[in-house]
N, C-alpha and C. Protein backbone atom coordinates (compact mmCIF):
# COMPACT_ATOMS: atom_id res chain seq x y z
N MET A 1 98.53 108.12 91.31
CA MET A 1 99.12 109.32 90.13
C MET A 1 99.85 110.03 90.91
N ASN A 2 101.53 110.27 90.87
CA ASN A 2 102.27 111.62 91.22
C ASN A 2 101.52 112.83 90.78
N LYS A 3 101.95 113.79 91.81
CA LYS A 3 101.83 115.17 91.30
C LYS A 3 102.37 115.98 90.01
N LEU A 4 103.43 115.06 89.62
CA LEU A 4 103.69 115.73 88.26
C LEU A 4 102.90 115.39 86.93
N THR A 5 102.66 113.99 87.58
CA THR A 5 101.32 113.92 86.17
C THR A 5 99.97 114.70 86.18
N ALA A 6 99.38 114.74 88.10
CA ALA A 6 98.91 115.33 87.79
C ALA A 6 98.89 116.91 87.15
N PHE A 7 99.89 117.52 87.20
CA PHE A 7 100.07 118.95 86.98
C PHE A 7 100.25 118.73 85.55
N ARG A 8 100.75 117.43 85.01
CA ARG A 8 100.37 117.56 83.63
C ARG A 8 99.23 117.68 82.63
N LEU A 9 98.68 117.10 82.95
CA LEU A 9 96.88 116.42 83.21
C LEU A 9 96.25 117.34 83.43
N GLU A 10 96.58 117.85 83.98
CA GLU A 10 95.19 118.92 84.32
C GLU A 10 95.30 120.43 83.83
N LEU A 11 96.93 120.41 82.75
CA LEU A 11 97.21 121.15 81.60
C LEU A 11 96.93 120.75 79.87
N ASN A 12 96.12 119.40 80.23
CA ASN A 12 96.28 118.59 78.89
C ASN A 12 96.86 118.64 77.91
N LYS A 13 98.40 118.35 79.06
CA LYS A 13 98.99 118.29 77.40
C LYS A 13 100.20 116.71 77.81
N SER A 14 100.56 116.27 76.46
CA SER A 14 101.31 114.93 76.89
C SER A 14 102.94 115.63 77.13
N THR A 15 103.38 113.57 77.10
CA THR A 15 105.08 114.42 78.14
C THR A 15 105.62 114.76 77.45
N ALA A 16 105.95 114.70 75.85
CA ALA A 16 106.52 115.43 74.93
C ALA A 16 106.59 116.56 74.49
N GLU A 17 105.01 116.99 74.90
CA GLU A 17 104.80 118.28 74.81
C GLU A 17 105.62 119.14 76.39
N MET A 18 105.54 118.27 77.50
CA MET A 18 105.38 119.15 78.44
C MET A 18 107.19 119.32 78.39
N ALA A 19 107.59 118.32 78.06
CA ALA A 19 109.69 118.07 78.06
C ALA A 19 109.80 119.19 76.61
N ALA A 20 109.10 119.70 75.98
CA ALA A 20 109.09 120.49 74.88
C ALA A 20 108.84 121.93 75.54
N ILE A 21 108.32 122.11 76.25
CA ILE A 21 108.08 123.85 77.29
C ILE A 21 109.07 123.59 78.00
N ILE A 22 109.75 123.05 78.53
CA ILE A 22 109.92 122.88 80.11
C ILE A 22 111.72 123.40 79.46
N GLY A 23 111.76 122.20 78.13
CA GLY A 23 113.17 122.52 77.46
C GLY A 23 114.37 121.00 77.93
N VAL A 24 113.70 120.19 77.48
CA VAL A 24 114.23 118.98 78.10
C VAL A 24 113.83 117.20 77.60
N SER A 25 114.39 116.22 77.32
CA SER A 25 114.07 115.01 76.42
C SER A 25 113.06 114.48 76.44
N LYS A 26 111.83 114.79 76.01
CA LYS A 26 110.45 113.94 76.56
C LYS A 26 111.89 112.13 76.97
N SER A 27 112.45 111.64 76.74
CA SER A 27 112.74 110.85 77.71
C SER A 27 113.28 110.91 79.08
N TYR A 28 113.81 112.28 79.27
CA TYR A 28 113.99 112.91 80.80
C TYR A 28 113.09 113.21 80.92
N TYR A 29 112.56 113.91 80.85
CA TYR A 29 111.14 113.86 81.52
C TYR A 29 110.13 113.16 81.93
N GLU A 30 110.09 111.72 80.92
CA GLU A 30 109.44 110.79 81.19
C GLU A 30 110.57 110.21 82.91
N LYS A 31 111.59 110.07 82.73
CA LYS A 31 112.08 109.78 83.42
C LYS A 31 111.52 110.30 85.35
N ILE A 32 111.66 111.38 84.94
CA ILE A 32 111.12 112.12 86.15
C ILE A 32 109.70 112.10 86.63
N GLU A 33 109.03 111.94 85.56
CA GLU A 33 107.54 111.47 85.56
C GLU A 33 107.56 110.37 86.18
N TYR A 34 107.83 109.36 85.83
CA TYR A 34 107.28 107.82 86.26
C TYR A 34 108.29 107.80 87.46
N LYS A 35 109.39 108.47 88.26
CA LYS A 35 109.82 108.46 89.50
C LYS A 35 111.11 107.55 89.26
N ASP A 36 111.88 107.70 88.20
CA ASP A 36 112.75 106.67 88.22
C ASP A 36 113.80 107.43 87.68
N ARG A 37 113.84 108.41 88.27
CA ARG A 37 115.24 109.37 88.29
C ARG A 37 114.58 110.90 89.06
N ASN A 38 114.97 111.26 90.33
CA ASN A 38 114.94 112.48 90.85
C ASN A 38 115.09 114.18 89.80
N PRO A 39 114.57 114.85 89.91
CA PRO A 39 114.61 116.18 88.90
C PRO A 39 115.78 116.74 89.36
N SER A 40 116.79 117.45 88.71
CA SER A 40 118.30 117.56 89.08
C SER A 40 117.61 119.24 89.36
N TYR A 41 118.52 120.05 90.06
CA TYR A 41 118.50 121.27 89.89
C TYR A 41 117.56 122.06 88.60
N ASN A 42 118.60 122.08 87.63
CA ASN A 42 118.60 122.83 86.23
C ASN A 42 117.28 122.18 85.71
N PHE A 43 116.87 120.60 85.94
CA PHE A 43 115.23 120.18 86.18
C PHE A 43 114.28 121.62 85.82
N ILE A 44 114.09 121.82 87.82
CA ILE A 44 113.45 122.56 88.49
C ILE A 44 113.17 123.61 88.09
N THR A 45 114.24 124.24 87.57
CA THR A 45 114.75 125.77 87.35
C THR A 45 113.61 126.04 86.28
N LYS A 46 114.17 125.23 85.29
CA LYS A 46 113.40 124.78 83.75
C LYS A 46 111.87 124.74 83.85
N PHE A 47 111.89 123.76 84.93
CA PHE A 47 110.34 123.52 84.81
C PHE A 47 109.88 125.10 85.43
N LYS A 48 110.24 126.03 86.76
CA LYS A 48 109.48 126.98 87.34
C LYS A 48 109.92 128.41 86.51
N ALA A 49 110.43 128.11 85.80
CA ALA A 49 110.82 129.28 84.21
C ALA A 49 109.78 128.73 83.51
N ALA A 50 109.66 127.60 83.34
CA ALA A 50 108.13 128.02 81.90
C ALA A 50 106.99 127.72 82.77
N PHE A 51 106.99 127.24 84.58
CA PHE A 51 105.31 127.28 84.74
C PHE A 51 105.74 127.96 86.45
N PRO A 52 105.87 129.54 85.82
CA PRO A 52 106.00 129.91 87.10
C PRO A 52 105.03 130.69 88.05
N ASP A 53 103.94 130.12 88.08
CA ASP A 53 102.73 130.52 89.01
C ASP A 53 102.98 128.37 89.86
N ALA A 54 103.71 127.76 89.17
CA ALA A 54 103.21 126.25 89.94
C ALA A 54 104.15 126.59 91.62
N ASP A 55 103.80 125.40 92.24
CA ASP A 55 104.54 125.14 93.74
C ASP A 55 105.15 123.61 93.32
N VAL A 56 106.46 124.22 92.89
CA VAL A 56 107.30 122.92 92.85
C VAL A 56 107.53 122.43 94.39
N GLY A 57 107.30 122.67 95.50
CA GLY A 57 108.02 122.13 97.15
C GLY A 57 106.56 121.41 96.88
N GLN A 58 105.35 121.78 95.84
CA GLN A 58 104.38 120.69 96.54
C GLN A 58 104.35 119.78 95.29
N ILE A 59 104.77 120.18 93.74
CA ILE A 59 104.69 118.96 92.58
C ILE A 59 106.40 117.73 92.76
N PHE A 60 107.02 118.55 93.68
CA PHE A 60 108.80 117.49 93.96
C PHE A 60 109.19 117.50 95.05
N PHE A 61 108.96 118.00 95.61
CA PHE A 61 109.05 117.14 97.30
C PHE A 61 107.88 116.61 97.90
N ASP A 62 108.36 115.64 98.82
CA ASP A 62 106.78 115.09 99.65
C ASP A 62 107.34 115.72 101.06
N GLU A 63 106.56 116.53 101.46
CA GLU A 63 106.73 117.09 102.46
C GLU A 63 105.72 117.01 103.77
N GLN A 64 106.18 115.76 104.19
CA GLN A 64 105.43 115.59 105.08
C GLN A 64 105.81 115.32 106.51
N PRO A 65 105.77 116.76 107.21
CA PRO A 65 106.12 116.42 108.84
C PRO A 65 105.67 116.00 109.70
N HIS A 66 106.92 115.66 110.94
CA HIS A 66 106.64 114.05 111.52
C HIS A 66 105.11 114.97 113.11
N VAL A 67 104.45 113.43 113.42
CA VAL A 67 103.30 113.46 113.29
C VAL A 67 103.08 115.00 114.48
N GLU A 68 103.80 115.18 115.56
CA GLU A 68 104.41 115.60 116.06
C GLU A 68 104.37 116.86 115.68
N CYS A 69 104.92 117.51 115.20
CA CYS A 69 105.17 118.87 114.58
C CYS A 69 104.70 119.15 113.53
N ALA A 70 103.18 118.43 112.57
CA ALA A 70 102.43 118.93 112.33
C ALA A 70 101.01 119.87 113.20
N ASP A 71 101.04 119.11 114.22
CA ASP A 71 99.76 119.86 115.53
C ASP A 71 100.10 120.61 115.70
N PRO A 72 99.98 122.32 115.49
CA PRO A 72 100.47 123.63 116.26
C PRO A 72 100.74 123.59 118.15
N LYS A 73 100.19 122.61 118.57
CA LYS A 73 99.51 122.23 119.97
C LYS A 73 100.89 121.98 120.51
N THR A 74 101.46 120.98 119.93
CA THR A 74 102.24 120.43 120.05
C THR A 74 104.03 120.96 120.30
N LYS A 75 104.72 121.33 121.15
CA LYS A 75 106.30 121.61 121.12
C LYS A 75 106.74 120.48 121.40
N PRO A 76 107.90 119.66 120.04
CA PRO A 76 108.77 118.74 120.93
C PRO A 76 109.78 119.17 121.28
N THR A 77 110.02 118.71 122.44
CA THR A 77 111.32 118.49 123.00
C THR A 77 112.71 118.03 122.86
N GLY A 78 112.37 117.27 121.66
CA GLY A 78 113.39 115.61 120.70
C GLY A 78 114.04 115.09 122.17
N THR A 79 113.54 115.10 123.01
CA THR A 79 112.96 113.46 124.06
C THR A 79 112.47 113.28 124.57
N GLU A 80 111.33 112.61 123.25
CA GLU A 80 110.06 111.91 123.28
C GLU A 80 110.90 110.64 122.97
N GLY A 81 110.61 109.28 124.02
CA GLY A 81 110.41 108.46 124.03
C GLY A 81 111.47 108.32 124.72
N ARG A 82 112.17 108.84 125.19
CA ARG A 82 113.39 108.52 126.29
C ARG A 82 112.86 107.60 128.21
């Protein structure tokens, strides 16, 4: 389950209800939720206006740092593997 679906289910809303709250068509909302399309800037702006406390970075973007970058004790030099 993706994070947008989880967010919607946590709110106990249907895809049609979410689309109406955000101000987009149900079809467009579903394409984003099912990852058939990437969310546009306009969609994310409307989503943030409708859900100001939601973390859009967490919901829409996979932020997976490089393994060495995730470890605060490691300072990558950019020369690893040479």
